Amino acid sequence: MIKRESRWKLLKIVLILYMVYAAVRMVFYGQGSLQSVIFDLGRIVLLVLLLWWLNTRSAPPGE
């Protein structure tokens, strides 16, 4: 079994890679319509909030 800390780290890495993909997609392919740009920005904001929540949840109590 994968340890809990390893699962959190793996999830964070996947989320960061997906955020980078969404940002690149927005810059290069999102020029077509305003709706797709807003959708990609919203997705990036949601992923940042999810990463922040994961960081606060998985941090040890002393930090």
Protein backbone atom coordinates (compact mmCIF):
# COMPACT_ATOMS: atom_id res chain seq x y z
CA MET A 1 0.00 0.00 0.00
CA ILE A 2 1.05 3.55 -0.63
CA LYS A 3 1.54 5.62 2.49
CA ARG A 4 -0.85 8.48 3.08
CA GLU A 5 1.92 11.12 2.74
CA SER A 6 2.97 9.63 -0.60
CA ARG A 7 -0.60 9.73 -1.86
CA TRP A 8 -0.93 13.42 -0.91
CA LYS A 9 2.38 14.24 -2.66
CA LEU A 10 1.32 12.32 -5.77
CA LEU A 11 -2.05 14.07 -5.81
CA LYS A 12 -0.37 17.48 -5.45
CA ILE A 13 2.02 16.72 -8.33
CA VAL A 14 -0.86 15.63 -10.56
CA LEU A 15 -2.84 18.78 -9.71
CA ILE A 16 0.16 21.03 -10.40
CA LEU A 17 0.78 19.34 -13.76
CA TYR A 18 -2.90 19.72 -14.65
CA MET A 19 -2.77 23.42 -13.69
CA VAL A 20 0.24 23.91 -15.96
CA TYR A 21 -1.59 22.11 -18.77
CA ALA A 22 -4.68 24.29 -18.29
CA ALA A 23 -2.55 27.47 -18.30
CA VAL A 24 -0.69 26.44 -21.47
CA ARG A 25 -3.95 25.46 -23.13
CA MET A 26 -5.48 28.80 -22.17
CA VAL A 27 -2.53 30.76 -23.57
CA PHE A 28 -2.16 28.90 -26.86
CA TYR A 29 -5.62 27.57 -27.67
CA GLY A 30 -7.96 29.82 -25.68
CA GLN A 31 -7.75 32.76 -28.06
CA GLY A 32 -10.88 31.64 -29.88
CA SER A 33 -13.63 32.55 -27.46
CA LEU A 34 -14.02 34.40 -24.20
CA GLN A 35 -16.04 31.54 -22.75
CA SER A 36 -13.17 29.05 -23.03
CA VAL A 37 -10.74 31.54 -21.42
CA ILE A 38 -13.12 32.12 -18.49
CA PHE A 39 -13.64 28.36 -18.14
CA ASP A 40 -9.88 27.70 -18.04
CA LEU A 41 -9.30 30.53 -15.54
CA GLY A 42 -12.04 29.15 -13.31
CA ARG A 43 -10.52 25.69 -13.50
CA ILE A 44 -7.07 27.04 -12.53
CA VAL A 45 -8.54 28.97 -9.58
CA LEU A 46 -10.40 25.87 -8.36
CA LEU A 47 -7.23 23.78 -8.59
CA VAL A 48 -5.23 26.40 -6.66
CA LEU A 49 -7.90 26.41 -3.94
CA LEU A 50 -7.84 22.60 -3.84
CA LEU A 51 -4.04 22.57 -3.51
CA TRP A 52 -4.23 25.15 -0.71
CA TRP A 53 -6.84 23.04 1.09
CA LEU A 54 -4.70 19.91 0.71
CA ASN A 55 -1.65 21.74 2.08
CA THR A 56 -3.51 23.01 5.13
CA ARG A 57 -5.15 19.63 5.72
CA SER A 58 -2.02 17.50 5.43
CA ALA A 59 0.31 19.81 7.39
CA PRO A 60 1.35 18.61 10.85
CA PRO A 61 -0.42 20.40 13.73
CA GLY A 62 2.75 22.19 14.86
CA GLU A 63 3.28 24.06 11.61
